[in-house]
Amino acid sequence: MCRNIKTLFNFEPPAAEEEVKAASLQYVRKITGFNKPSGANEAAFHSAVEDIARISERLLASLETAAPPKDREEEAAKAKARSALRFGG
């Protein structure tokens, strides 16, 4: 089960399709409580992931900001530092 969904807006380079799909999958897993749906729910589950990915891509493309794009490596380093403080590693 996912613990969080990462921010995808305002990065250089922009979020890749795979990142949007992964976030969509995390979202659907979270709200359904399924890590892997049963056969009866599989089609609805995967359809929801695709729908949410499409909507998310449209949202990210339509957002505007005056802030400079964030650097992926710098943000990853910050997250790693926060994790080390939190979990003592």
Protein backbone atom coordinates (compact mmCIF):
# COMPACT_ATOMS: atom_id res chain seq x y z
CA MET A 1 0.00 0.00 0.00
CA CYS A 2 1.34 3.43 -0.84
CA ARG A 3 2.27 5.85 1.89
CA ASN A 4 2.18 8.98 -0.26
CA ILE A 5 1.95 10.26 -3.77
CA LYS A 6 4.82 12.45 -4.94
CA THR A 7 4.33 15.95 -6.32
CA LEU A 8 4.66 15.96 -10.11
CA PHE A 9 4.07 19.63 -10.92
CA ASN A 10 6.76 22.17 -11.82
CA PHE A 11 9.76 19.93 -12.37
CA GLU A 12 12.37 20.16 -15.08
CA PRO A 13 12.08 17.99 -17.06
CA PRO A 14 8.31 17.65 -16.66
CA ALA A 15 6.81 14.51 -15.18
CA ALA A 16 7.04 11.55 -17.53
CA GLU A 17 4.00 9.51 -18.51
CA GLU A 18 5.31 6.62 -16.39
CA GLU A 19 5.46 8.86 -13.30
CA VAL A 20 1.89 10.03 -13.79
CA LYS A 21 0.71 6.46 -14.28
CA ALA A 22 2.59 5.30 -11.14
CA ALA A 23 0.98 8.10 -9.09
CA SER A 24 -2.43 7.17 -10.50
CA LEU A 25 -1.89 3.54 -9.56
CA GLN A 26 -0.90 4.59 -6.03
CA TYR A 27 -4.04 6.71 -5.75
CA VAL A 28 -6.35 3.91 -6.89
CA ARG A 29 -4.64 1.43 -4.58
CA LYS A 30 -5.05 3.84 -1.67
CA ILE A 31 -8.73 4.60 -2.15
CA THR A 32 -9.74 1.01 -2.93
CA GLY A 33 -7.52 -0.68 -0.36
CA PHE A 34 -6.43 -3.16 -3.06
CA ASN A 35 -2.79 -3.76 -3.82
CA LYS A 36 -3.92 -6.16 -6.55
CA PRO A 37 -7.63 -6.33 -7.38
CA SER A 38 -9.57 -9.57 -7.64
CA GLY A 39 -10.52 -10.83 -11.07
CA ALA A 40 -14.02 -9.42 -10.62
CA ASN A 41 -12.62 -5.92 -9.95
CA GLU A 42 -9.61 -5.96 -12.25
CA ALA A 43 -11.20 -4.20 -15.25
CA ALA A 44 -12.70 -1.42 -13.13
CA PHE A 45 -9.41 -1.00 -11.23
CA HIS A 46 -7.27 -0.66 -14.37
CA SER A 47 -9.86 1.56 -16.06
CA ALA A 48 -9.75 3.90 -13.06
CA VAL A 49 -5.93 4.04 -13.18
CA GLU A 50 -6.05 4.99 -16.88
CA ASP A 51 -8.78 7.60 -16.34
CA ILE A 52 -6.95 9.21 -13.42
CA ALA A 53 -3.65 9.23 -15.33
CA ARG A 54 -5.30 10.97 -18.29
CA ILE A 55 -6.99 13.56 -16.04
CA SER A 56 -3.75 14.11 -14.10
CA GLU A 57 -1.77 14.71 -17.30
CA ARG A 58 -4.39 17.23 -18.42
CA LEU A 59 -4.26 18.97 -15.03
CA LEU A 60 -0.46 19.16 -14.97
CA ALA A 61 -0.41 20.56 -18.53
CA SER A 62 -2.92 23.29 -17.64
CA LEU A 63 -1.34 24.53 -14.40
CA GLU A 64 0.73 27.72 -14.40
CA THR A 65 3.29 29.07 -11.97
CA ALA A 66 5.78 31.92 -11.77
CA ALA A 67 8.08 29.79 -9.59
CA PRO A 68 11.18 28.36 -11.23
CA PRO A 69 11.04 24.61 -11.95
CA LYS A 70 12.32 22.33 -9.20
CA ASP A 71 15.37 20.18 -9.75
CA ARG A 72 14.58 16.47 -9.37
CA GLU A 73 17.96 15.53 -7.91
CA GLU A 74 17.86 18.37 -5.38
CA GLU A 75 14.33 17.44 -4.28
CA ALA A 76 15.33 13.77 -3.96
CA ALA A 77 18.30 14.76 -1.77
CA LYS A 78 16.00 16.84 0.46
CA ALA A 79 13.59 13.91 0.80
CA LYS A 80 16.45 11.57 1.68
CA ALA A 81 17.67 14.01 4.35
CA ARG A 82 14.16 14.30 5.84
CA SER A 83 13.89 10.52 5.90
CA ALA A 84 17.25 10.18 7.66
CA LEU A 85 16.14 12.66 10.33
CA ARG A 86 12.82 10.92 10.76
CA PHE A 87 14.05 7.34 10.80
CA GLY A 88 17.60 7.89 12.05
CA GLY A 89 19.50 6.58 9.09
